[in-house]
Amino acid sequence: MVNYRVTVILKLLEGNLPLEKIQGPVRPEDVRQLGDFLKERLERVASMMELLREKGFCCRGTRKAVILEGCSLEAYQVKELLQDHGFKPHEYEIKLEYTRQWGIM
């Protein structure tokens, strides 16, 4: 028998962050554009969190990411769930940890 734990890492600042527009001469429009980008990314992270919490995942935060852990779904099921709801594979990272129980194969 095997126990497993799935960890999903949602990086807060994932993707092509337009920081190059915030270096050197900066216009108010550049800051607004960055704000729009961050708002969209954080909304997608929150949506993924809601979806996984409904499936029994627990979440915790770090400075750079939200980490969700659970054992109610296998990694492939988490991937299918997220993709079925329109999330792309580059938006999250899935890790799977197996632990074998002794005496049972």
PDB file of N, CA and C in Angstrom:
ATOM      1  N   MET A   1       0.844  -1.175   0.000  1.00  0.00           N
ATOM      2  CA  MET A   1       0.000   0.000   0.000  1.00  0.00           C
ATOM      3  C   MET A   1       0.890   1.240   0.000  1.00  0.00           C
ATOM      4  N   VAL A   2       0.426   2.264  -0.674  1.00  0.00           N
ATOM      5  CA  VAL A   2       1.216   3.483  -0.819  1.00  0.00           C
ATOM      6  C   VAL A   2       0.371   4.686  -0.422  1.00  0.00           C
ATOM      7  N   ASN A   3       0.944   5.553   0.373  1.00  0.00           N
ATOM      8  CA  ASN A   3       0.331   6.850   0.661  1.00  0.00           C
ATOM      9  C   ASN A   3       0.988   7.883  -0.238  1.00  0.00           C
ATOM     10  N   TYR A   4       0.249   8.876  -0.630  1.00  0.00           N
ATOM     11  CA  TYR A   4       0.822   9.917  -1.472  1.00  0.00           C
ATOM     12  C   TYR A   4       0.341  11.277  -1.000  1.00  0.00           C
ATOM     13  N   ARG A   5       1.134  12.271  -1.319  1.00  0.00           N
ATOM     14  CA  ARG A   5       0.779  13.654  -1.036  1.00  0.00           C
ATOM     15  C   ARG A   5       1.120  14.474  -2.269  1.00  0.00           C
ATOM     16  N   VAL A   6       0.171  15.267  -2.696  1.00  0.00           N
ATOM     17  CA  VAL A   6       0.362  16.124  -3.857  1.00  0.00           C
ATOM     18  C   VAL A   6       0.582  17.542  -3.359  1.00  0.00           C
ATOM     19  N   THR A   7       1.605  18.196  -3.889  1.00  0.00           N
ATOM     20  CA  THR A   7       1.904  19.584  -3.576  1.00  0.00           C
ATOM     21  C   THR A   7       1.784  20.392  -4.854  1.00  0.00           C
ATOM     22  N   VAL A   8       1.016  21.472  -4.785  1.00  0.00           N
ATOM     23  CA  VAL A   8       0.849  22.365  -5.926  1.00  0.00           C
ATOM     24  C   VAL A   8       1.438  23.714  -5.535  1.00  0.00           C
ATOM     25  N   ILE A   9       2.369  24.195  -6.350  1.00  0.00           N
ATOM     26  CA  ILE A   9       3.028  25.472  -6.089  1.00  0.00           C
ATOM     27  C   ILE A   9       2.510  26.495  -7.099  1.00  0.00           C
ATOM     28  N   LEU A  10       1.956  27.581  -6.581  1.00  0.00           N
ATOM     29  CA  LEU A  10       1.434  28.660  -7.411  1.00  0.00           C
ATOM     30  C   LEU A  10       2.310  29.889  -7.178  1.00  0.00           C
ATOM     31  N   LYS A  11       3.204  30.157  -8.108  1.00  0.00           N
ATOM     32  CA  LYS A  11       4.097  31.304  -7.962  1.00  0.00           C
ATOM     33  C   LYS A  11       3.305  32.591  -8.183  1.00  0.00           C
ATOM     34  N   LEU A  12       3.486  33.537  -7.273  1.00  0.00           N
ATOM     35  CA  LEU A  12       2.720  34.779  -7.353  1.00  0.00           C
ATOM     36  C   LEU A  12       3.142  35.639  -8.530  1.00  0.00           C
ATOM     37  N   LEU A  13       4.421  35.644  -8.856  1.00  0.00           N
ATOM     38  CA  LEU A  13       4.928  36.496  -9.939  1.00  0.00           C
ATOM     39  C   LEU A  13       5.420  35.660 -11.096  1.00  0.00           C
ATOM     40  N   GLU A  14       4.644  34.669 -11.491  1.00  0.00           N
ATOM     41  CA  GLU A  14       4.999  33.769 -12.584  1.00  0.00           C
ATOM     42  C   GLU A  14       4.722  34.454 -13.911  1.00  0.00           C
ATOM     43  N   GLY A  15       5.443  34.034 -14.914  1.00  0.00           N
ATOM     44  CA  GLY A  15       5.160  34.516 -16.266  1.00  0.00           C
ATOM     45  C   GLY A  15       6.098  35.620 -16.706  1.00  0.00           C
ATOM     46  N   ASN A  16       5.725  36.264 -17.781  1.00  0.00           N
ATOM     47  CA  ASN A  16       6.542  37.333 -18.356  1.00  0.00           C
ATOM     48  C   ASN A  16       6.196  38.654 -17.693  1.00  0.00           C
ATOM     49  N   LEU A  17       6.750  38.872 -16.530  1.00  0.00           N
ATOM     50  CA  LEU A  17       6.493  40.088 -15.777  1.00  0.00           C
ATOM     51  C   LEU A  17       7.110  41.269 -16.502  1.00  0.00           C
ATOM     52  N   PRO A  18       6.317  42.278 -16.832  1.00  0.00           N
ATOM     53  CA  PRO A  18       6.841  43.414 -17.617  1.00  0.00           C
ATOM     54  C   PRO A  18       7.635  44.411 -16.770  1.00  0.00           C
ATOM     55  N   LEU A  19       8.624  43.913 -16.030  1.00  0.00           N
ATOM     56  CA  LEU A  19       9.417  44.797 -15.170  1.00  0.00           C
ATOM     57  C   LEU A  19      10.354  45.697 -15.962  1.00  0.00           C
ATOM     58  N   GLU A  20      10.673  45.307 -17.196  1.00  0.00           N
ATOM     59  CA  GLU A  20      11.588  46.144 -17.975  1.00  0.00           C
ATOM     60  C   GLU A  20      10.995  47.532 -18.219  1.00  0.00           C
ATOM     61  N   LYS A  21       9.679  47.663 -18.130  1.00  0.00           N
ATOM     62  CA  LYS A  21       9.044  48.965 -18.331  1.00  0.00           C
ATOM     63  C   LYS A  21       9.115  49.830 -17.080  1.00  0.00           C
ATOM     64  N   ILE A  22       9.524  49.260 -15.960  1.00  0.00           N
ATOM     65  CA  ILE A  22       9.605  50.004 -14.709  1.00  0.00           C
ATOM     66  C   ILE A  22      11.043  50.432 -14.422  1.00  0.00           C
ATOM     67  N   GLN A  23      11.943  50.206 -15.351  1.00  0.00           N
ATOM     68  CA  GLN A  23      13.330  50.622 -15.175  1.00  0.00           C
ATOM     69  C   GLN A  23      13.595  51.825 -16.058  1.00  0.00           C
ATOM     70  N   GLY A  24      14.440  52.699 -15.593  1.00  0.00           N
ATOM     71  CA  GLY A  24      14.742  53.905 -16.369  1.00  0.00           C
ATOM     72  C   GLY A  24      13.576  54.882 -16.287  1.00  0.00           C
ATOM     73  N   PRO A  25      13.357  55.642 -17.345  1.00  0.00           N
ATOM     74  CA  PRO A  25      12.221  56.575 -17.333  1.00  0.00           C
ATOM     75  C   PRO A  25      10.898  55.802 -17.270  1.00  0.00           C
ATOM     76  N   VAL A  26      10.073  56.150 -16.301  1.00  0.00           N
ATOM     77  CA  VAL A  26       8.815  55.443 -16.080  1.00  0.00           C
ATOM     78  C   VAL A  26       7.652  56.411 -16.225  1.00  0.00           C
ATOM     79  N   ARG A  27       6.642  55.948 -16.930  1.00  0.00           N
ATOM     80  CA  ARG A  27       5.425  56.738 -17.094  1.00  0.00           C
ATOM     81  C   ARG A  27       4.329  56.152 -16.210  1.00  0.00           C
ATOM     82  N   PRO A  28       3.340  56.935 -15.848  1.00  0.00           N
ATOM     83  CA  PRO A  28       2.220  56.404 -15.067  1.00  0.00           C
ATOM     84  C   PRO A  28       1.538  55.219 -15.756  1.00  0.00           C
ATOM     85  N   GLU A  29       1.479  55.240 -17.078  1.00  0.00           N
ATOM     86  CA  GLU A  29       0.854  54.144 -17.816  1.00  0.00           C
ATOM     87  C   GLU A  29       1.604  52.825 -17.612  1.00  0.00           C
ATOM     88  N   ASP A  30       2.941  52.924 -17.472  1.00  0.00           N
ATOM     89  CA  ASP A  30       3.748  51.729 -17.241  1.00  0.00           C
ATOM     90  C   ASP A  30       3.402  51.086 -15.903  1.00  0.00           C
ATOM     91  N   VAL A  31       3.237  51.913 -14.887  1.00  0.00           N
ATOM     92  CA  VAL A  31       2.897  51.404 -13.559  1.00  0.00           C
ATOM     93  C   VAL A  31       1.489  50.804 -13.576  1.00  0.00           C
ATOM     94  N   ARG A  32       0.569  51.454 -14.252  1.00  0.00           N
ATOM     95  CA  ARG A  32      -0.790  50.913 -14.358  1.00  0.00           C
ATOM     96  C   ARG A  32      -0.796  49.576 -15.100  1.00  0.00           C
ATOM     97  N   GLN A  33      -0.001  49.474 -16.142  1.00  0.00           N
ATOM     98  CA  GLN A  33       0.072  48.223 -16.904  1.00  0.00           C
ATOM     99  C   GLN A  33       0.613  47.090 -16.029  1.00  0.00           C
ATOM    100  N   LEU A  34       1.630  47.392 -15.228  1.00  0.00           N
ATOM    101  CA  LEU A  34       2.155  46.391 -14.303  1.00  0.00           C
ATOM    102  C   LEU A  34       1.094  46.003 -13.280  1.00  0.00           C
ATOM    103  N   GLY A  35       0.361  46.977 -12.772  1.00  0.00           N
ATOM    104  CA  GLY A  35      -0.715  46.696 -11.824  1.00  0.00           C
ATOM    105  C   GLY A  35      -1.782  45.793 -12.425  1.00  0.00           C
ATOM    106  N   ASP A  36      -2.142  46.052 -13.678  1.00  0.00           N
ATOM    107  CA  ASP A  36      -3.133  45.204 -14.361  1.00  0.00           C
ATOM    108  C   ASP A  36      -2.622  43.777 -14.511  1.00  0.00           C
ATOM    109  N   PHE A  37      -1.341  43.649 -14.874  1.00  0.00           N
ATOM    110  CA  PHE A  37      -0.732  42.323 -15.021  1.00  0.00           C
ATOM    111  C   PHE A  37      -0.767  41.567 -13.697  1.00  0.00           C
ATOM    112  N   LEU A  38      -0.366  42.246 -12.612  1.00  0.00           N
ATOM    113  CA  LEU A  38      -0.335  41.605 -11.298  1.00  0.00           C
ATOM    114  C   LEU A  38      -1.742  41.239 -10.833  1.00  0.00           C
ATOM    115  N   LYS A  39      -2.698  42.111 -11.080  1.00  0.00           N
ATOM    116  CA  LYS A  39      -4.082  41.827 -10.673  1.00  0.00           C
ATOM    117  C   LYS A  39      -4.607  40.583 -11.377  1.00  0.00           C
ATOM    118  N   GLU A  40      -4.346  40.474 -12.666  1.00  0.00           N
ATOM    119  CA  GLU A  40      -4.800  39.306 -13.424  1.00  0.00           C
ATOM    120  C   GLU A  40      -4.137  38.028 -12.908  1.00  0.00           C
ATOM    121  N   ARG A  41      -2.831  38.073 -12.663  1.00  0.00           N
ATOM    122  CA  ARG A  41      -2.109  36.896 -12.174  1.00  0.00           C
ATOM    123  C   ARG A  41      -2.620  36.468 -10.803  1.00  0.00           C
ATOM    124  N   LEU A  42      -2.781  37.422  -9.888  1.00  0.00           N
ATOM    125  CA  LEU A  42      -3.220  37.091  -8.536  1.00  0.00           C
ATOM    126  C   LEU A  42      -4.657  36.583  -8.526  1.00  0.00           C
ATOM    127  N   GLU A  43      -5.487  37.071  -9.430  1.00  0.00           N
ATOM    128  CA  GLU A  43      -6.858  36.561  -9.542  1.00  0.00           C
ATOM    129  C   GLU A  43      -6.852  35.097  -9.990  1.00  0.00           C
ATOM    130  N   ARG A  44      -5.967  34.755 -10.918  1.00  0.00           N
ATOM    131  CA  ARG A  44      -5.865  33.365 -11.372  1.00  0.00           C
ATOM    132  C   ARG A  44      -5.347  32.458 -10.252  1.00  0.00           C
ATOM    133  N   VAL A  45      -4.387  32.945  -9.470  1.00  0.00           N
ATOM    134  CA  VAL A  45      -3.894  32.176  -8.321  1.00  0.00           C
ATOM    135  C   VAL A  45      -5.036  31.933  -7.335  1.00  0.00           C
ATOM    136  N   ALA A  46      -5.812  32.966  -7.041  1.00  0.00           N
ATOM    137  CA  ALA A  46      -6.934  32.824  -6.108  1.00  0.00           C
ATOM    138  C   ALA A  46      -7.965  31.827  -6.637  1.00  0.00           C
ATOM    139  N   SER A  47      -8.209  31.834  -7.932  1.00  0.00           N
ATOM    140  CA  SER A  47      -9.164  30.898  -8.524  1.00  0.00           C
ATOM    141  C   SER A  47      -8.672  29.461  -8.409  1.00  0.00           C
ATOM    142  N   MET A  48      -7.380  29.238  -8.635  1.00  0.00           N
ATOM    143  CA  MET A  48      -6.825  27.892  -8.485  1.00  0.00           C
ATOM    144  C   MET A  48      -6.894  27.449  -7.024  1.00  0.00           C
ATOM    145  N   MET A  49      -6.648  28.380  -6.106  1.00  0.00           N
ATOM    146  CA  MET A  49      -6.732  28.056  -4.682  1.00  0.00           C
ATOM    147  C   MET A  49      -8.146  27.614  -4.311  1.00  0.00           C
ATOM    148  N   GLU A  50      -9.146  28.360  -4.762  1.00  0.00           N
ATOM    149  CA  GLU A  50     -10.533  28.005  -4.457  1.00  0.00           C
ATOM    150  C   GLU A  50     -10.881  26.620  -4.981  1.00  0.00           C
ATOM    151  N   LEU A  51     -10.462  26.346  -6.193  1.00  0.00           N
ATOM    152  CA  LEU A  51     -10.742  25.066  -6.831  1.00  0.00           C
ATOM    153  C   LEU A  51     -10.134  23.907  -6.043  1.00  0.00           C
ATOM    154  N   LEU A  52      -8.882  24.056  -5.620  1.00  0.00           N
ATOM    155  CA  LEU A  52      -8.206  22.978  -4.898  1.00  0.00           C
ATOM    156  C   LEU A  52      -8.665  22.868  -3.449  1.00  0.00           C
ATOM    157  N   ARG A  53      -9.018  23.978  -2.839  1.00  0.00           N
ATOM    158  CA  ARG A  53      -9.537  23.920  -1.463  1.00  0.00           C
ATOM    159  C   ARG A  53     -10.865  23.175  -1.408  1.00  0.00           C
ATOM    160  N   GLU A  54     -11.667  23.312  -2.469  1.00  0.00           N
ATOM    161  CA  GLU A  54     -12.927  22.561  -2.545  1.00  0.00           C
ATOM    162  C   GLU A  54     -12.671  21.060  -2.563  1.00  0.00           C
ATOM    163  N   LYS A  55     -11.491  20.662  -3.021  1.00  0.00           N
ATOM    164  CA  LYS A  55     -11.121  19.244  -3.087  1.00  0.00           C
ATOM    165  C   LYS A  55     -10.363  18.788  -1.846  1.00  0.00           C
ATOM    166  N   GLY A  56     -10.296  19.626  -0.817  1.00  0.00           N
ATOM    167  CA  GLY A  56      -9.685  19.229   0.440  1.00  0.00           C
ATOM    168  C   GLY A  56      -8.228  19.605   0.620  1.00  0.00           C
ATOM    169  N   PHE A  57      -7.681  20.426  -0.254  1.00  0.00           N
ATOM    170  CA  PHE A  57      -6.287  20.833  -0.127  1.00  0.00           C
ATOM    171  C   PHE A  57      -6.157  21.925   0.929  1.00  0.00           C
ATOM    172  N   CYS A  58      -5.043  21.903   1.641  1.00  0.00           N
ATOM    173  CA  CYS A  58      -4.701  22.947   2.614  1.00  0.00           C
ATOM    174  C   CYS A  58      -3.694  23.879   1.967  1.00  0.00           C
ATOM    175  N   CYS A  59      -3.742  25.142   2.334  1.00  0.00           N
ATOM    176  CA  CYS A  59      -2.795  26.058   1.700  1.00  0.00           C
ATOM    177  C   CYS A  59      -2.025  26.859   2.743  1.00  0.00           C
ATOM    178  N   ARG A  60      -0.849  27.255   2.317  1.00  0.00           N
ATOM    179  CA  ARG A  60       0.021  28.121   3.115  1.00  0.00           C
ATOM    180  C   ARG A  60       0.756  29.022   2.144  1.00  0.00           C
ATOM    181  N   GLY A  61       1.243  30.126   2.646  1.00  0.00           N
ATOM    182  CA  GLY A  61       1.913  31.076   1.774  1.00  0.00           C
ATOM    183  C   GLY A  61       3.368  31.256   2.126  1.00  0.00           C
ATOM    184  N   THR A  62       4.130  31.631   1.143  1.00  0.00           N
ATOM    185  CA  THR A  62       5.510  32.065   1.325  1.00  0.00           C
ATOM    186  C   THR A  62       5.622  33.442   0.679  1.00  0.00           C
ATOM    187  N   ARG A  63       6.788  34.006   0.680  1.00  0.00           N
ATOM    188  CA  ARG A  63       6.967  35.334   0.075  1.00  0.00           C
ATOM    189  C   ARG A  63       6.715  35.324  -1.424  1.00  0.00           C
ATOM    190  N   LYS A  64       6.988  34.195  -2.071  1.00  0.00           N
ATOM    191  CA  LYS A  64       6.920  34.160  -3.526  1.00  0.00           C
ATOM    192  C   LYS A  64       5.849  33.238  -4.091  1.00  0.00           C
ATOM    193  N   ALA A  65       5.179  32.465  -3.233  1.00  0.00           N
ATOM    194  CA  ALA A  65       4.242  31.486  -3.766  1.00  0.00           C
ATOM    195  C   ALA A  65       3.179  31.103  -2.738  1.00  0.00           C
ATOM    196  N   VAL A  66       2.114  30.507  -3.253  1.00  0.00           N
ATOM    197  CA  VAL A  66       1.114  29.855  -2.428  1.00  0.00           C
ATOM    198  C   VAL A  66       1.307  28.357  -2.653  1.00  0.00           C
ATOM    199  N   ILE A  67       1.346  27.604  -1.560  1.00  0.00           N
ATOM    200  CA  ILE A  67       1.590  26.171  -1.641  1.00  0.00           C
ATOM    201  C   ILE A  67       0.367  25.449  -1.104  1.00  0.00           C
ATOM    202  N   LEU A  68      -0.183  24.564  -1.924  1.00  0.00           N
ATOM    203  CA  LEU A  68      -1.341  23.767  -1.532  1.00  0.00           C
ATOM    204  C   LEU A  68      -0.919  22.312  -1.442  1.00  0.00           C
ATOM    205  N   GLU A  69      -1.384  21.635  -0.394  1.00  0.00           N
ATOM    206  CA  GLU A  69      -1.042  20.225  -0.203  1.00  0.00           C
ATOM    207  C   GLU A  69      -2.299  19.431   0.093  1.00  0.00           C
ATOM    208  N   GLY A  70      -2.355  18.244  -0.467  1.00  0.00           N
ATOM    209  CA  GLY A  70      -3.496  17.384  -0.226  1.00  0.00           C
ATOM    210  C   GLY A  70      -3.222  15.957  -0.637  1.00  0.00           C
ATOM    211  N   CYS A  71      -4.097  15.066  -0.209  1.00  0.00           N
ATOM    212  CA  CYS A  71      -3.952  13.666  -0.588  1.00  0.00           C
ATOM    213  C   CYS A  71      -5.282  13.092  -1.057  1.00  0.00           C
ATOM    214  N   SER A  72      -6.210  13.956  -1.438  1.00  0.00           N
ATOM    215  CA  SER A  72      -7.504  13.482  -1.933  1.00  0.00           C
ATOM    216  C   SER A  72      -7.484  13.228  -3.439  1.00  0.00           C
ATOM    217  N   LEU A  73      -6.516  13.787  -4.138  1.00  0.00           N
ATOM    218  CA  LEU A  73      -6.376  13.608  -5.585  1.00  0.00           C
ATOM    219  C   LEU A  73      -4.939  13.229  -5.915  1.00  0.00           C
ATOM    220  N   GLU A  74      -4.774  12.422  -6.963  1.00  0.00           N
ATOM    221  CA  GLU A  74      -3.431  12.129  -7.477  1.00  0.00           C
ATOM    222  C   GLU A  74      -2.980  13.304  -8.338  1.00  0.00           C
ATOM    223  N   ALA A  75      -1.698  13.346  -8.642  1.00  0.00           N
ATOM    224  CA  ALA A  75      -1.131  14.453  -9.412  1.00  0.00           C
ATOM    225  C   ALA A  75      -1.801  14.594 -10.777  1.00  0.00           C
ATOM    226  N   TYR A  76      -2.042  13.486 -11.464  1.00  0.00           N
ATOM    227  CA  TYR A  76      -2.659  13.575 -12.785  1.00  0.00           C
ATOM    228  C   TYR A  76      -4.086  14.119 -12.687  1.00  0.00           C
ATOM    229  N   GLN A  77      -4.787  13.826 -11.581  1.00  0.00           N
ATOM    230  CA  GLN A  77      -6.141  14.339 -11.391  1.00  0.00           C
ATOM    231  C   GLN A  77      -6.124  15.846 -11.134  1.00  0.00           C
ATOM    232  N   VAL A  78      -5.130  16.301 -10.392  1.00  0.00           N
ATOM    233  CA  VAL A  78      -4.989  17.741 -10.150  1.00  0.00           C
ATOM    234  C   VAL A  78      -4.721  18.455 -11.471  1.00  0.00           C
ATOM    235  N   LYS A  79      -3.827  17.895 -12.266  1.00  0.00           N
ATOM    236  CA  LYS A  79      -3.505  18.499 -13.562  1.00  0.00           C
ATOM    237  C   LYS A  79      -4.749  18.562 -14.448  1.00  0.00           C
ATOM    238  N   GLU A  80      -5.491  17.471 -14.518  1.00  0.00           N
ATOM    239  CA  GLU A  80      -6.713  17.447 -15.323  1.00  0.00           C
ATOM    240  C   GLU A  80      -7.733  18.459 -14.819  1.00  0.00           C
ATOM    241  N   LEU A  81      -7.893  18.550 -13.504  1.00  0.00           N
ATOM    242  CA  LEU A  81      -8.836  19.493 -12.909  1.00  0.00           C
ATOM    243  C   LEU A  81      -8.490  20.929 -13.282  1.00  0.00           C
ATOM    244  N   LEU A  82      -7.215  21.277 -13.126  1.00  0.00           N
ATOM    245  CA  LEU A  82      -6.788  22.646 -13.445  1.00  0.00           C
ATOM    246  C   LEU A  82      -6.926  22.931 -14.936  1.00  0.00           C
ATOM    247  N   GLN A  83      -6.542  21.986 -15.775  1.00  0.00           N
ATOM    248  CA  GLN A  83      -6.655  22.201 -17.218  1.00  0.00           C
ATOM    249  C   GLN A  83      -8.111  22.273 -17.662  1.00  0.00           C
ATOM    250  N   ASP A  84      -8.977  21.478 -17.048  1.00  0.00           N
ATOM    251  CA  ASP A  84     -10.402  21.528 -17.388  1.00  0.00           C
ATOM    252  C   ASP A  84     -11.022  22.882 -17.050  1.00  0.00           C
ATOM    253  N   HIS A  85     -10.418  23.598 -16.112  1.00  0.00           N
ATOM    254  CA  HIS A  85     -10.914  24.921 -15.730  1.00  0.00           C
ATOM    255  C   HIS A  85     -10.137  26.053 -16.407  1.00  0.00           C
ATOM    256  N   GLY A  86      -9.353  25.719 -17.414  1.00  0.00           N
ATOM    257  CA  GLY A  86      -8.709  26.741 -18.242  1.00  0.00           C
ATOM    258  C   GLY A  86      -7.336  27.205 -17.789  1.00  0.00           C
ATOM    259  N   PHE A  87      -6.732  26.519 -16.833  1.00  0.00           N
ATOM    260  CA  PHE A  87      -5.404  26.910 -16.373  1.00  0.00           C
ATOM    261  C   PHE A  87      -4.348  26.177 -17.181  1.00  0.00           C
ATOM    262  N   LYS A  88      -3.300  26.887 -17.543  1.00  0.00           N
ATOM    263  CA  LYS A  88      -2.218  26.341 -18.364  1.00  0.00           C
ATOM    264  C   LYS A  88      -1.127  25.743 -17.478  1.00  0.00           C
ATOM    265  N   PRO A  89      -0.406  24.723 -17.974  1.00  0.00           N
ATOM    266  CA  PRO A  89       0.635  24.066 -17.175  1.00  0.00           C
ATOM    267  C   PRO A  89       1.737  25.006 -16.671  1.00  0.00           C
ATOM    268  N   HIS A  90       2.020  26.095 -17.363  1.00  0.00           N
ATOM    269  CA  HIS A  90       3.074  27.006 -16.899  1.00  0.00           C
ATOM    270  C   HIS A  90       2.628  27.852 -15.700  1.00  0.00           C
ATOM    271  N   GLU A  91       1.343  27.797 -15.334  1.00  0.00           N
ATOM    272  CA  GLU A  91       0.831  28.605 -14.234  1.00  0.00           C
ATOM    273  C   GLU A  91       0.991  27.938 -12.873  1.00  0.00           C
ATOM    274  N   TYR A  92       1.358  26.670 -12.848  1.00  0.00           N
ATOM    275  CA  TYR A  92       1.472  25.938 -11.594  1.00  0.00           C
ATOM    276  C   TYR A  92       2.549  24.867 -11.723  1.00  0.00           C
ATOM    277  N   GLU A  93       2.971  24.371 -10.566  1.00  0.00           N
ATOM    278  CA  GLU A  93       3.944  23.279 -10.515  1.00  0.00           C
ATOM    279  C   GLU A  93       3.373  22.214  -9.581  1.00  0.00           C
ATOM    280  N   ILE A  94       3.381  20.977 -10.024  1.00  0.00           N
ATOM    281  CA  ILE A  94       2.829  19.880  -9.233  1.00  0.00           C
ATOM    282  C   ILE A  94       3.956  18.932  -8.837  1.00  0.00           C
ATOM    283  N   LYS A  95       3.985  18.593  -7.554  1.00  0.00           N
ATOM    284  CA  LYS A  95       4.955  17.616  -7.050  1.00  0.00           C
ATOM    285  C   LYS A  95       4.180  16.505  -6.356  1.00  0.00           C
ATOM    286  N   LEU A  96       4.656  15.284  -6.556  1.00  0.00           N
ATOM    287  CA  LEU A  96       4.002  14.117  -5.969  1.00  0.00           C
ATOM    288  C   LEU A  96       5.005  13.374  -5.103  1.00  0.00           C
ATOM    289  N   GLU A  97       4.600  13.063  -3.885  1.00  0.00           N
ATOM    290  CA  GLU A  97       5.463  12.340  -2.952  1.00  0.00           C
ATOM    291  C   GLU A  97       4.754  11.058  -2.529  1.00  0.00           C
ATOM    292  N   TYR A  98       5.408   9.934  -2.759  1.00  0.00           N
ATOM    293  CA  TYR A  98       4.873   8.636  -2.362  1.00  0.00           C
ATOM    294  C   TYR A  98       5.583   8.156  -1.108  1.00  0.00           C
ATOM    295  N   THR A  99       4.834   7.503  -0.213  1.00  0.00           N
ATOM    296  CA  THR A  99       5.410   6.856   0.950  1.00  0.00           C
ATOM    297  C   THR A  99       4.852   5.448   1.020  1.00  0.00           C
ATOM    298  N   ARG A 100       5.738   4.479   0.991  1.00  0.00           N
ATOM    299  CA  ARG A 100       5.307   3.086   1.042  1.00  0.00           C
ATOM    300  C   ARG A 100       5.067   2.677   2.478  1.00  0.00           C
ATOM    301  N   GLN A 101       3.961   2.006   2.737  1.00  0.00           N
ATOM    302  CA  GLN A 101       3.695   1.477   4.059  1.00  0.00           C
ATOM    303  C   GLN A 101       4.388   0.124   4.164  1.00  0.00           C
ATOM    304  N   TRP A 102       5.081  -0.093   5.247  1.00  0.00           N
ATOM    305  CA  TRP A 102       5.860  -1.327   5.409  1.00  0.00           C
ATOM    306  C   TRP A 102       4.952  -2.530   5.557  1.00  0.00           C
ATOM    307  N   GLY A 103       5.405  -3.639   4.991  1.00  0.00           N
ATOM    308  CA  GLY A 103       4.719  -4.906   5.158  1.00  0.00           C
ATOM    309  C   GLY A 103       3.649  -5.179   4.115  1.00  0.00           C
ATOM    310  N   ILE A 104       3.313  -4.209   3.340  1.00  0.00           N
ATOM    311  CA  ILE A 104       2.279  -4.403   2.320  1.00  0.00           C
ATOM    312  C   ILE A 104       2.844  -3.985   0.976  1.00  0.00           C
ATOM    313  N   MET A 105       2.732  -4.847  -0.005  1.00  0.00           N
ATOM    314  CA  MET A 105       3.206  -4.518  -1.363  1.00  0.00           C
ATOM    315  C   MET A 105       2.083  -4.649  -2.344  1.00  0.00           C
TER     316      MET A 105
END
